[in-house]
Each structure stands twice: as structure tokens, then as C-alpha cells.
Amino acid sequence: MKSPDEVHIETLTVKDDGTIPNHPSFPVLIYKQTTTGSDDVKALFNTNNWLGAWKGSVFKYHHYHSNSHEVLGCVSGSALLHIGGEQGSQLNIKNGDILILPAGYGHKLIEQSEDFAVIGAYPNGSDYDMCTGDPSERPEKVDNIYQVPLPDYDPVFGSDGPLFSYWTNFS
């Protein structure tokens, strides 16, 4: 695994489009080519208290989690994701990339290689809801986003990780 100063970090900010709220203050973080095939991504996330890990793909429809942040570590293949809802951006990820989604950020799979897989996890193993942008869910879900605290640890680099340079407490 690369050290924090060796990692190229990209950010992505998408405003609320009226359907997918995204996050009012925190950008999506993309840690490019951070891990290698020999790294145990699930163990790395667990070490940094991002728990409840699962392995699979990303749903093929816009969705978000209003009550938890999420990390996705690409462990094989590549994919094109749509981040931030219909008005959002397309993002290519590949093996070794880590994507950290603040609460509220929409994400959807557009296309993937046959061998594409991610490991996902959540700070403190928090439960997460599944939101699709239905207008009836919106007021409660937007309120939820404001209640999600900063994580205690960067999912990759721990208590002093670069996440804390990009995400700060908000009100």
C-alpha cells in the first residue's frame, strides 16, 4: 500500500439536484492506485474501524445512504460509475482505487469489466439505509445527512489520514 504522500487524491463535488441530495459540505474522495493485489482491503478497513464489509458490485440505479458514509475499495477490474445523481459526474475506477462517499452521495454503476469487484464498509460498522431519491423520503433523509458525524478514522490511513484535510465538522 502507498503512503499518504504517495497517493494522488481527487475530489468530486456535486450539488443537490432536488432528487439526490449529495452532501452539503464534504466532497467525494478518490484515492487513486492506493492498494495493490497483495493488500487485504477488508482488513485495512477493519483496522481503521470501517466495518460491516461486503464484497460485490455497485447497484445499477442511483442510490445513496443518508445515515452513513461509505468506502468502496476496488479489488479487481474496473468500472464506470455515475456519482451524484443524474446531474452528477461519471467516474472511472479501477483495481487499487479507493472511493470514499460522504452520506447523501448518489452512486450508480454504468458499466463494469467482467472481473469488477469492490469491498464496501461503513464507519463503526454503522447500519445504512437505501435511498433512491423518492420525493416522499426526501425531508427525513436530508435531515439524516446533517446528523452523520465525521468518522473517527480515515478508512485507509487511520486517525491522521488525508480525509480530515477535506472533511471538517460542519453545521
N, C-alpha and C. Protein backbone atom coordinates (compact mmCIF):
# COMPACT_ATOMS: atom_id res chain seq x y z
N MET A 1 0.84 -1.17 0.00
CA MET A 1 0.00 0.00 0.00
C MET A 1 0.89 1.24 0.00
N LYS A 2 0.42 2.26 -0.70
CA LYS A 2 1.16 3.51 -0.75
C LYS A 2 0.98 4.30 0.54
N SER A 3 1.92 5.17 0.81
CA SER A 3 1.81 6.08 1.97
C SER A 3 0.92 7.26 1.55
N PRO A 4 0.38 8.00 2.51
CA PRO A 4 -0.50 9.12 2.16
C PRO A 4 0.14 10.13 1.20
N ASP A 5 1.47 10.41 1.35
CA ASP A 5 2.07 11.40 0.45
C ASP A 5 2.31 10.85 -0.95
N GLU A 6 2.22 9.54 -1.13
CA GLU A 6 2.39 8.96 -2.47
C GLU A 6 1.07 8.84 -3.22
N VAL A 7 -0.04 9.05 -2.54
CA VAL A 7 -1.36 8.83 -3.14
C VAL A 7 -1.86 10.11 -3.79
N HIS A 8 -2.29 9.98 -5.03
CA HIS A 8 -2.95 11.08 -5.73
C HIS A 8 -4.42 11.06 -5.31
N ILE A 9 -4.89 12.17 -4.74
CA ILE A 9 -6.27 12.25 -4.26
C ILE A 9 -7.04 13.20 -5.15
N GLU A 10 -8.16 12.72 -5.66
CA GLU A 10 -9.07 13.55 -6.44
C GLU A 10 -10.32 13.79 -5.61
N THR A 11 -10.94 14.93 -5.81
CA THR A 11 -12.20 15.23 -5.13
C THR A 11 -13.29 15.46 -6.18
N LEU A 12 -14.50 15.23 -5.75
CA LEU A 12 -15.65 15.44 -6.62
C LEU A 12 -16.76 16.04 -5.78
N THR A 13 -17.28 17.16 -6.23
CA THR A 13 -18.39 17.82 -5.54
C THR A 13 -19.54 17.97 -6.51
N VAL A 14 -20.72 17.52 -6.09
CA VAL A 14 -21.93 17.65 -6.91
C VAL A 14 -23.00 18.24 -6.01
N LYS A 15 -23.66 19.28 -6.48
CA LYS A 15 -24.71 19.92 -5.70
C LYS A 15 -25.98 19.07 -5.68
N ASP A 16 -26.80 19.28 -4.69
CA ASP A 16 -28.13 18.67 -4.58
C ASP A 16 -28.91 18.99 -5.85
N ASP A 17 -29.44 17.95 -6.49
CA ASP A 17 -30.20 18.16 -7.73
C ASP A 17 -31.71 18.12 -7.50
N GLY A 18 -32.13 18.10 -6.23
CA GLY A 18 -33.55 18.02 -5.92
C GLY A 18 -34.05 16.59 -5.78
N THR A 19 -33.26 15.63 -6.24
CA THR A 19 -33.61 14.21 -6.11
C THR A 19 -32.58 13.50 -5.24
N ILE A 20 -31.31 13.61 -5.64
CA ILE A 20 -30.20 13.05 -4.87
C ILE A 20 -29.55 14.21 -4.13
N PRO A 21 -29.58 14.20 -2.79
CA PRO A 21 -29.10 15.37 -2.05
C PRO A 21 -27.58 15.57 -2.06
N ASN A 22 -26.81 14.49 -2.18
CA ASN A 22 -25.36 14.55 -2.03
C ASN A 22 -25.04 15.10 -0.64
N HIS A 23 -23.87 15.58 -0.42
CA HIS A 23 -23.53 16.09 0.91
C HIS A 23 -23.33 17.60 0.81
N PRO A 24 -23.84 18.37 1.77
CA PRO A 24 -23.74 19.82 1.67
C PRO A 24 -22.32 20.38 1.85
N SER A 25 -21.42 19.60 2.46
CA SER A 25 -20.08 20.13 2.75
C SER A 25 -18.92 19.23 2.34
N PHE A 26 -19.10 17.93 2.38
CA PHE A 26 -17.98 17.02 2.15
C PHE A 26 -17.94 16.56 0.69
N PRO A 27 -16.76 16.62 0.05
CA PRO A 27 -16.64 16.07 -1.30
C PRO A 27 -16.43 14.56 -1.27
N VAL A 28 -16.71 13.92 -2.38
CA VAL A 28 -16.30 12.53 -2.59
C VAL A 28 -14.78 12.55 -2.70
N LEU A 29 -14.12 11.57 -2.10
CA LEU A 29 -12.66 11.45 -2.20
C LEU A 29 -12.32 10.20 -2.99
N ILE A 30 -11.40 10.35 -3.93
CA ILE A 30 -10.91 9.22 -4.71
C ILE A 30 -9.41 9.12 -4.48
N TYR A 31 -9.00 8.06 -3.80
CA TYR A 31 -7.58 7.79 -3.58
C TYR A 31 -7.14 6.87 -4.72
N LYS A 32 -6.42 7.42 -5.68
CA LYS A 32 -6.04 6.69 -6.88
C LYS A 32 -4.89 5.72 -6.62
N GLN A 33 -5.05 4.50 -7.12
CA GLN A 33 -4.00 3.48 -7.09
C GLN A 33 -3.31 3.38 -5.74
N THR A 34 -4.12 3.21 -4.69
CA THR A 34 -3.63 3.22 -3.32
C THR A 34 -3.22 1.84 -2.83
N THR A 35 -3.97 0.82 -3.22
CA THR A 35 -3.68 -0.54 -2.77
C THR A 35 -3.21 -1.39 -3.94
N THR A 36 -2.59 -2.52 -3.60
CA THR A 36 -2.14 -3.47 -4.61
C THR A 36 -2.80 -4.81 -4.35
N GLY A 37 -2.64 -5.73 -5.27
CA GLY A 37 -3.25 -7.04 -5.14
C GLY A 37 -2.86 -7.78 -3.87
N SER A 38 -1.71 -7.43 -3.30
CA SER A 38 -1.27 -8.12 -2.08
C SER A 38 -1.88 -7.51 -0.82
N ASP A 39 -2.53 -6.36 -0.93
CA ASP A 39 -3.14 -5.72 0.24
C ASP A 39 -4.49 -6.37 0.55
N ASP A 40 -4.75 -6.61 1.81
CA ASP A 40 -6.04 -7.12 2.26
C ASP A 40 -6.93 -5.92 2.58
N VAL A 41 -7.74 -5.50 1.63
CA VAL A 41 -8.52 -4.27 1.74
C VAL A 41 -9.54 -4.37 2.88
N LYS A 42 -10.17 -5.51 3.03
CA LYS A 42 -11.14 -5.67 4.13
C LYS A 42 -10.44 -5.50 5.49
N ALA A 43 -9.28 -6.11 5.66
CA ALA A 43 -8.54 -5.98 6.92
C ALA A 43 -8.10 -4.53 7.13
N LEU A 44 -7.71 -3.86 6.06
CA LEU A 44 -7.32 -2.46 6.16
C LEU A 44 -8.49 -1.61 6.67
N PHE A 45 -9.66 -1.80 6.09
CA PHE A 45 -10.84 -1.05 6.54
C PHE A 45 -11.16 -1.40 7.99
N ASN A 46 -11.12 -2.69 8.32
CA ASN A 46 -11.42 -3.11 9.70
C ASN A 46 -10.46 -2.47 10.70
N THR A 47 -9.18 -2.43 10.36
CA THR A 47 -8.18 -1.83 11.23
C THR A 47 -8.53 -0.38 11.55
N ASN A 48 -9.14 0.30 10.59
CA ASN A 48 -9.49 1.70 10.75
C ASN A 48 -10.95 1.90 11.14
N ASN A 49 -11.56 0.84 11.66
CA ASN A 49 -12.92 0.86 12.20
C ASN A 49 -14.00 1.20 11.16
N TRP A 50 -13.74 0.85 9.91
CA TRP A 50 -14.77 0.88 8.87
C TRP A 50 -15.16 -0.59 8.70
N LEU A 51 -16.33 -0.93 9.21
CA LEU A 51 -16.72 -2.32 9.39
C LEU A 51 -17.96 -2.67 8.56
N GLY A 52 -18.47 -3.89 8.79
CA GLY A 52 -19.64 -4.35 8.05
C GLY A 52 -19.31 -4.60 6.59
N ALA A 53 -18.08 -5.01 6.33
CA ALA A 53 -17.59 -5.14 4.95
C ALA A 53 -18.36 -6.19 4.16
N TRP A 54 -18.51 -5.91 2.90
CA TRP A 54 -19.13 -6.81 1.93
C TRP A 54 -18.31 -6.72 0.64
N LYS A 55 -18.43 -7.74 -0.19
CA LYS A 55 -17.73 -7.74 -1.48
C LYS A 55 -18.76 -7.95 -2.57
N GLY A 56 -18.68 -7.15 -3.62
CA GLY A 56 -19.62 -7.29 -4.73
C GLY A 56 -19.42 -6.17 -5.73
N SER A 57 -20.54 -5.69 -6.26
CA SER A 57 -20.50 -4.62 -7.25
C SER A 57 -21.28 -3.43 -6.71
N VAL A 58 -21.67 -2.53 -7.58
CA VAL A 58 -22.46 -1.35 -7.23
C VAL A 58 -23.79 -1.51 -7.95
N PHE A 59 -24.88 -1.12 -7.31
CA PHE A 59 -26.20 -1.23 -7.93
C PHE A 59 -26.27 -0.42 -9.22
N LYS A 60 -27.10 -0.90 -10.15
CA LYS A 60 -27.23 -0.26 -11.46
C LYS A 60 -28.31 0.82 -11.47
N TYR A 61 -28.59 1.40 -10.33
CA TYR A 61 -29.54 2.50 -10.24
C TYR A 61 -29.00 3.51 -9.23
N HIS A 62 -29.41 4.77 -9.39
CA HIS A 62 -28.96 5.80 -8.47
C HIS A 62 -29.49 5.49 -7.08
N HIS A 63 -28.61 5.52 -6.11
CA HIS A 63 -29.00 5.31 -4.72
C HIS A 63 -27.98 6.02 -3.83
N TYR A 64 -28.37 6.21 -2.59
CA TYR A 64 -27.47 6.84 -1.62
C TYR A 64 -27.85 6.36 -0.22
N HIS A 65 -26.98 6.66 0.72
CA HIS A 65 -27.20 6.31 2.12
C HIS A 65 -27.23 7.61 2.91
N SER A 66 -28.34 7.87 3.59
CA SER A 66 -28.49 9.14 4.29
C SER A 66 -27.94 9.10 5.71
N ASN A 67 -27.70 7.91 6.22
CA ASN A 67 -27.32 7.79 7.63
C ASN A 67 -25.91 7.24 7.84
N SER A 68 -25.11 7.16 6.78
CA SER A 68 -23.75 6.66 6.92
C SER A 68 -22.91 7.08 5.73
N HIS A 69 -21.62 7.29 5.99
CA HIS A 69 -20.65 7.41 4.92
C HIS A 69 -20.34 5.99 4.44
N GLU A 70 -19.69 5.86 3.28
CA GLU A 70 -19.36 4.55 2.74
C GLU A 70 -18.01 4.62 2.05
N VAL A 71 -17.22 3.55 2.19
CA VAL A 71 -15.98 3.44 1.43
C VAL A 71 -16.12 2.25 0.49
N LEU A 72 -15.62 2.42 -0.73
CA LEU A 72 -15.59 1.35 -1.72
C LEU A 72 -14.15 1.20 -2.18
N GLY A 73 -13.58 0.04 -1.95
CA GLY A 73 -12.22 -0.25 -2.39
C GLY A 73 -12.27 -1.19 -3.57
N CYS A 74 -11.80 -0.76 -4.72
CA CYS A 74 -11.83 -1.61 -5.91
C CYS A 74 -10.71 -2.66 -5.80
N VAL A 75 -11.12 -3.92 -5.73
CA VAL A 75 -10.15 -5.01 -5.54
C VAL A 75 -9.89 -5.82 -6.81
N SER A 76 -10.67 -5.59 -7.85
CA SER A 76 -10.38 -6.21 -9.15
C SER A 76 -11.18 -5.51 -10.25
N GLY A 77 -10.60 -5.54 -11.44
CA GLY A 77 -11.29 -5.00 -12.60
C GLY A 77 -11.41 -3.49 -12.60
N SER A 78 -12.43 -3.02 -13.33
CA SER A 78 -12.67 -1.59 -13.46
C SER A 78 -14.14 -1.36 -13.72
N ALA A 79 -14.56 -0.12 -13.52
CA ALA A 79 -15.97 0.22 -13.75
C ALA A 79 -16.11 1.71 -14.04
N LEU A 80 -17.21 2.04 -14.66
CA LEU A 80 -17.62 3.42 -14.85
C LEU A 80 -18.82 3.63 -13.95
N LEU A 81 -18.68 4.58 -13.01
CA LEU A 81 -19.75 4.89 -12.07
C LEU A 81 -20.31 6.28 -12.36
N HIS A 82 -21.56 6.46 -12.01
CA HIS A 82 -22.18 7.79 -12.08
C HIS A 82 -22.32 8.25 -10.63
N ILE A 83 -21.69 9.35 -10.30
CA ILE A 83 -21.65 9.85 -8.92
C ILE A 83 -22.44 11.14 -8.83
N GLY A 84 -23.35 11.23 -7.85
CA GLY A 84 -24.04 12.49 -7.59
C GLY A 84 -25.41 12.63 -8.20
N GLY A 85 -25.98 11.57 -8.76
CA GLY A 85 -27.30 11.67 -9.38
C GLY A 85 -27.21 12.00 -10.86
N GLU A 86 -28.37 12.20 -11.48
CA GLU A 86 -28.44 12.43 -12.93
C GLU A 86 -27.57 13.59 -13.40
N GLN A 87 -27.46 14.64 -12.57
CA GLN A 87 -26.67 15.81 -12.94
C GLN A 87 -25.21 15.67 -12.51
N GLY A 88 -24.86 14.51 -11.99
CA GLY A 88 -23.52 14.29 -11.46
C GLY A 88 -22.48 14.02 -12.52
N SER A 89 -21.41 13.35 -12.12
CA SER A 89 -20.26 13.09 -12.99
C SER A 89 -20.02 11.60 -13.13
N GLN A 90 -19.47 11.25 -14.28
CA GLN A 90 -19.04 9.87 -14.48
C GLN A 90 -17.60 9.74 -13.98
N LEU A 91 -17.32 8.59 -13.37
CA LEU A 91 -16.03 8.37 -12.76
C LEU A 91 -15.55 6.96 -13.09
N ASN A 92 -14.36 6.87 -13.65
CA ASN A 92 -13.73 5.57 -13.90
C ASN A 92 -12.95 5.17 -12.66
N ILE A 93 -13.19 3.96 -12.17
CA ILE A 93 -12.36 3.43 -11.09
C ILE A 93 -11.78 2.10 -11.52
N LYS A 94 -10.63 1.78 -10.96
CA LYS A 94 -10.00 0.50 -11.30
C LYS A 94 -9.31 -0.07 -10.08
N ASN A 95 -8.89 -1.31 -10.22
CA ASN A 95 -8.24 -2.03 -9.14
C ASN A 95 -7.19 -1.15 -8.47
N GLY A 96 -7.28 -1.02 -7.14
CA GLY A 96 -6.34 -0.21 -6.38
C GLY A 96 -6.89 1.14 -5.97
N ASP A 97 -8.02 1.57 -6.57
CA ASP A 97 -8.63 2.84 -6.22
C ASP A 97 -9.55 2.68 -5.02
N ILE A 98 -9.60 3.72 -4.20
CA ILE A 98 -10.49 3.77 -3.04
C ILE A 98 -11.41 4.98 -3.21
N LEU A 99 -12.70 4.76 -3.08
CA LEU A 99 -13.70 5.81 -3.24
C LEU A 99 -14.40 6.00 -1.90
N ILE A 100 -14.35 7.22 -1.35
CA ILE A 100 -15.00 7.49 -0.07
C ILE A 100 -16.18 8.42 -0.33
N LEU A 101 -17.38 7.90 -0.07
CA LEU A 101 -18.63 8.61 -0.34
C LEU A 101 -19.20 9.17 0.95
N PRO A 102 -19.32 10.49 1.06
CA PRO A 102 -20.00 11.05 2.23
C PRO A 102 -21.47 10.68 2.21
N ALA A 103 -22.11 10.68 3.36
CA ALA A 103 -23.54 10.43 3.44
C ALA A 103 -24.26 11.32 2.43
N GLY A 104 -25.23 10.75 1.74
CA GLY A 104 -26.05 11.51 0.81
C GLY A 104 -25.61 11.45 -0.64
N TYR A 105 -24.38 10.99 -0.90
CA TYR A 105 -23.89 11.00 -2.28
C TYR A 105 -24.45 9.84 -3.09
N GLY A 106 -25.10 10.17 -4.18
CA GLY A 106 -25.64 9.16 -5.08
C GLY A 106 -24.52 8.44 -5.82
N HIS A 107 -24.75 7.17 -6.09
CA HIS A 107 -23.81 6.39 -6.88
C HIS A 107 -24.57 5.31 -7.63
N LYS A 108 -24.08 5.01 -8.83
CA LYS A 108 -24.75 4.07 -9.73
C LYS A 108 -23.70 3.47 -10.66
N LEU A 109 -23.83 2.19 -10.92
CA LEU A 109 -22.95 1.51 -11.88
C LEU A 109 -23.46 1.77 -13.29
N ILE A 110 -22.57 2.19 -14.17
CA ILE A 110 -22.93 2.35 -15.59
C ILE A 110 -22.45 1.12 -16.36
N GLU A 111 -21.17 0.80 -16.20
CA GLU A 111 -20.62 -0.41 -16.84
C GLU A 111 -19.44 -0.90 -16.04
N GLN A 112 -19.13 -2.19 -16.21
CA GLN A 112 -18.04 -2.79 -15.45
C GLN A 112 -17.36 -3.86 -16.28
N SER A 113 -16.09 -4.11 -15.94
CA SER A 113 -15.39 -5.24 -16.53
C SER A 113 -15.95 -6.52 -15.89
N GLU A 114 -15.72 -7.63 -16.55
CA GLU A 114 -16.24 -8.91 -16.05
C GLU A 114 -15.75 -9.24 -14.65
N ASP A 115 -14.53 -8.81 -14.34
CA ASP A 115 -13.94 -9.16 -13.05
C ASP A 115 -14.05 -8.05 -12.00
N PHE A 116 -14.89 -7.04 -12.24
CA PHE A 116 -15.01 -5.92 -11.32
C PHE A 116 -15.56 -6.36 -9.97
N ALA A 117 -14.91 -5.90 -8.90
CA ALA A 117 -15.41 -6.13 -7.54
C ALA A 117 -14.88 -5.03 -6.63
N VAL A 118 -15.73 -4.64 -5.69
CA VAL A 118 -15.35 -3.69 -4.65
C VAL A 118 -15.61 -4.32 -3.30
N ILE A 119 -14.91 -3.82 -2.30
CA ILE A 119 -15.23 -4.12 -0.91
C ILE A 119 -15.77 -2.82 -0.33
N GLY A 120 -16.95 -2.88 0.24
CA GLY A 120 -17.57 -1.72 0.84
C GLY A 120 -17.59 -1.86 2.35
N ALA A 121 -17.56 -0.73 3.07
CA ALA A 121 -17.62 -0.75 4.53
C ALA A 121 -18.09 0.63 5.01
N TYR A 122 -18.39 0.70 6.32
CA TYR A 122 -19.03 1.88 6.91
C TYR A 122 -18.35 2.21 8.24
N PRO A 123 -18.23 3.51 8.58
CA PRO A 123 -17.58 3.86 9.85
C PRO A 123 -18.29 3.21 11.03
N ASN A 124 -17.52 2.59 11.90
CA ASN A 124 -18.03 1.90 13.09
C ASN A 124 -19.01 0.78 12.75
N GLY A 125 -19.03 0.35 11.50
CA GLY A 125 -19.97 -0.70 11.09
C GLY A 125 -21.41 -0.25 11.13
N SER A 126 -21.63 1.05 10.98
CA SER A 126 -22.99 1.58 11.11
C SER A 126 -23.94 0.96 10.10
N ASP A 127 -25.19 0.82 10.52
CA ASP A 127 -26.22 0.39 9.59
C ASP A 127 -26.41 1.50 8.57
N TYR A 128 -26.83 1.12 7.40
CA TYR A 128 -27.06 2.13 6.36
C TYR A 128 -28.43 1.90 5.75
N ASP A 129 -29.05 3.01 5.36
CA ASP A 129 -30.33 2.90 4.68
C ASP A 129 -30.11 2.88 3.18
N MET A 130 -31.13 2.57 2.43
CA MET A 130 -31.04 2.52 0.97
C MET A 130 -32.06 3.52 0.43
N CYS A 131 -31.57 4.62 -0.09
CA CYS A 131 -32.44 5.68 -0.58
C CYS A 131 -32.28 5.80 -2.10
N THR A 132 -33.38 6.09 -2.78
CA THR A 132 -33.34 6.16 -4.25
C THR A 132 -33.75 7.52 -4.80
N GLY A 133 -34.02 8.47 -3.92
CA GLY A 133 -34.41 9.79 -4.40
C GLY A 133 -35.91 9.97 -4.51
N ASP A 134 -36.68 9.04 -3.98
CA ASP A 134 -38.14 9.18 -3.97
C ASP A 134 -38.50 10.46 -3.22
N PRO A 135 -39.37 11.31 -3.81
CA PRO A 135 -39.71 12.58 -3.14
C PRO A 135 -40.27 12.41 -1.73
N SER A 136 -40.96 11.31 -1.46
CA SER A 136 -41.56 11.12 -0.13
C SER A 136 -40.51 10.89 0.95
N GLU A 137 -39.32 10.42 0.57
CA GLU A 137 -38.28 10.16 1.57
C GLU A 137 -37.41 11.38 1.84
N ARG A 138 -37.48 12.37 0.99
CA ARG A 138 -36.50 13.45 0.99
C ARG A 138 -36.36 14.24 2.29
N PRO A 139 -37.41 14.82 2.87
CA PRO A 139 -37.16 15.66 4.06
C PRO A 139 -36.43 14.92 5.18
N GLU A 140 -36.85 13.71 5.47
CA GLU A 140 -36.22 12.93 6.53
C GLU A 140 -34.77 12.60 6.17
N LYS A 141 -34.53 12.22 4.93
CA LYS A 141 -33.19 11.78 4.52
C LYS A 141 -32.22 12.95 4.49
N VAL A 142 -32.67 14.12 4.08
CA VAL A 142 -31.79 15.29 4.10
C VAL A 142 -31.43 15.63 5.54
N ASP A 143 -32.40 15.56 6.45
CA ASP A 143 -32.11 15.78 7.88
C ASP A 143 -31.09 14.76 8.39
N ASN A 144 -31.24 13.50 7.98
CA ASN A 144 -30.31 12.45 8.41
C ASN A 144 -28.87 12.80 8.04
N ILE A 145 -28.66 13.29 6.83
CA ILE A 145 -27.32 13.59 6.34
C ILE A 145 -26.60 14.55 7.29
N TYR A 146 -27.34 15.55 7.78
CA TYR A 146 -26.75 16.53 8.70
C TYR A 146 -26.39 15.93 10.06
N GLN A 147 -26.96 14.78 10.38
CA GLN A 147 -26.70 14.14 11.67
C GLN A 147 -25.51 13.18 11.65
N VAL A 148 -25.02 12.82 10.46
CA VAL A 148 -23.93 11.84 10.36
C VAL A 148 -22.62 12.52 10.75
N PRO A 149 -21.97 12.03 11.80
CA PRO A 149 -20.73 12.67 12.26
C PRO A 149 -19.54 12.32 11.36
N LEU A 150 -18.50 13.10 11.53
CA LEU A 150 -17.23 12.74 10.90
C LEU A 150 -16.83 11.35 11.40
N PRO A 151 -16.23 10.53 10.55
CA PRO A 151 -15.74 9.26 11.06
C PRO A 151 -14.55 9.50 11.99
N ASP A 152 -14.28 8.54 12.84
CA ASP A 152 -13.13 8.65 13.75
C ASP A 152 -11.80 8.44 13.02
N TYR A 153 -11.85 7.67 11.92
CA TYR A 153 -10.63 7.31 11.19
C TYR A 153 -10.85 7.41 9.69
N ASP A 154 -9.82 7.78 8.99
CA ASP A 154 -9.77 7.65 7.53
C ASP A 154 -9.79 6.14 7.29
N PRO A 155 -10.58 5.62 6.33
CA PRO A 155 -10.67 4.17 6.17
C PRO A 155 -9.38 3.50 5.72
N VAL A 156 -8.45 4.27 5.17
CA VAL A 156 -7.20 3.72 4.67
C VAL A 156 -6.03 4.09 5.56
N PHE A 157 -5.97 5.35 6.00
CA PHE A 157 -4.77 5.85 6.67
C PHE A 157 -4.96 6.17 8.15
N GLY A 158 -6.09 5.85 8.72
CA GLY A 158 -6.28 5.98 10.16
C GLY A 158 -6.55 7.38 10.66
N SER A 159 -6.15 7.64 11.90
CA SER A 159 -6.55 8.87 12.60
C SER A 159 -5.93 10.13 12.02
N ASP A 160 -4.82 10.02 11.31
CA ASP A 160 -4.18 11.20 10.72
C ASP A 160 -4.32 11.22 9.20
N GLY A 161 -5.26 10.47 8.66
CA GLY A 161 -5.38 10.34 7.22
C GLY A 161 -5.83 11.62 6.52
N PRO A 162 -5.62 11.66 5.22
CA PRO A 162 -5.96 12.86 4.45
C PRO A 162 -7.45 13.19 4.41
N LEU A 163 -8.32 12.25 4.71
CA LEU A 163 -9.76 12.53 4.75
C LEU A 163 -10.03 13.77 5.59
N PHE A 164 -9.33 13.93 6.69
CA PHE A 164 -9.59 15.02 7.62
C PHE A 164 -9.10 16.38 7.10
N SER A 165 -8.33 16.38 6.03
CA SER A 165 -7.97 17.65 5.37
C SER A 165 -9.10 18.13 4.46
N TYR A 166 -9.95 17.20 4.03
CA TYR A 166 -11.03 17.52 3.10
C TYR A 166 -12.39 17.61 3.79
N TRP A 167 -12.57 16.83 4.83
CA TRP A 167 -13.83 16.82 5.57
C TRP A 167 -13.58 17.44 6.93
N THR A 168 -14.32 18.47 7.25
CA THR A 168 -14.24 19.07 8.58
C THR A 168 -15.65 19.20 9.11
N ASN A 169 -15.78 19.33 10.42
CA ASN A 169 -17.11 19.47 11.02
C ASN A 169 -17.87 20.60 10.34
N PHE A 170 -19.14 20.40 10.19
CA PHE A 170 -19.98 21.42 9.59
C PHE A 170 -21.23 21.59 10.42
N SER A 171 -21.97 22.65 10.17
CA SER A 171 -23.23 22.83 10.89
C SER A 171 -24.30 23.31 9.96
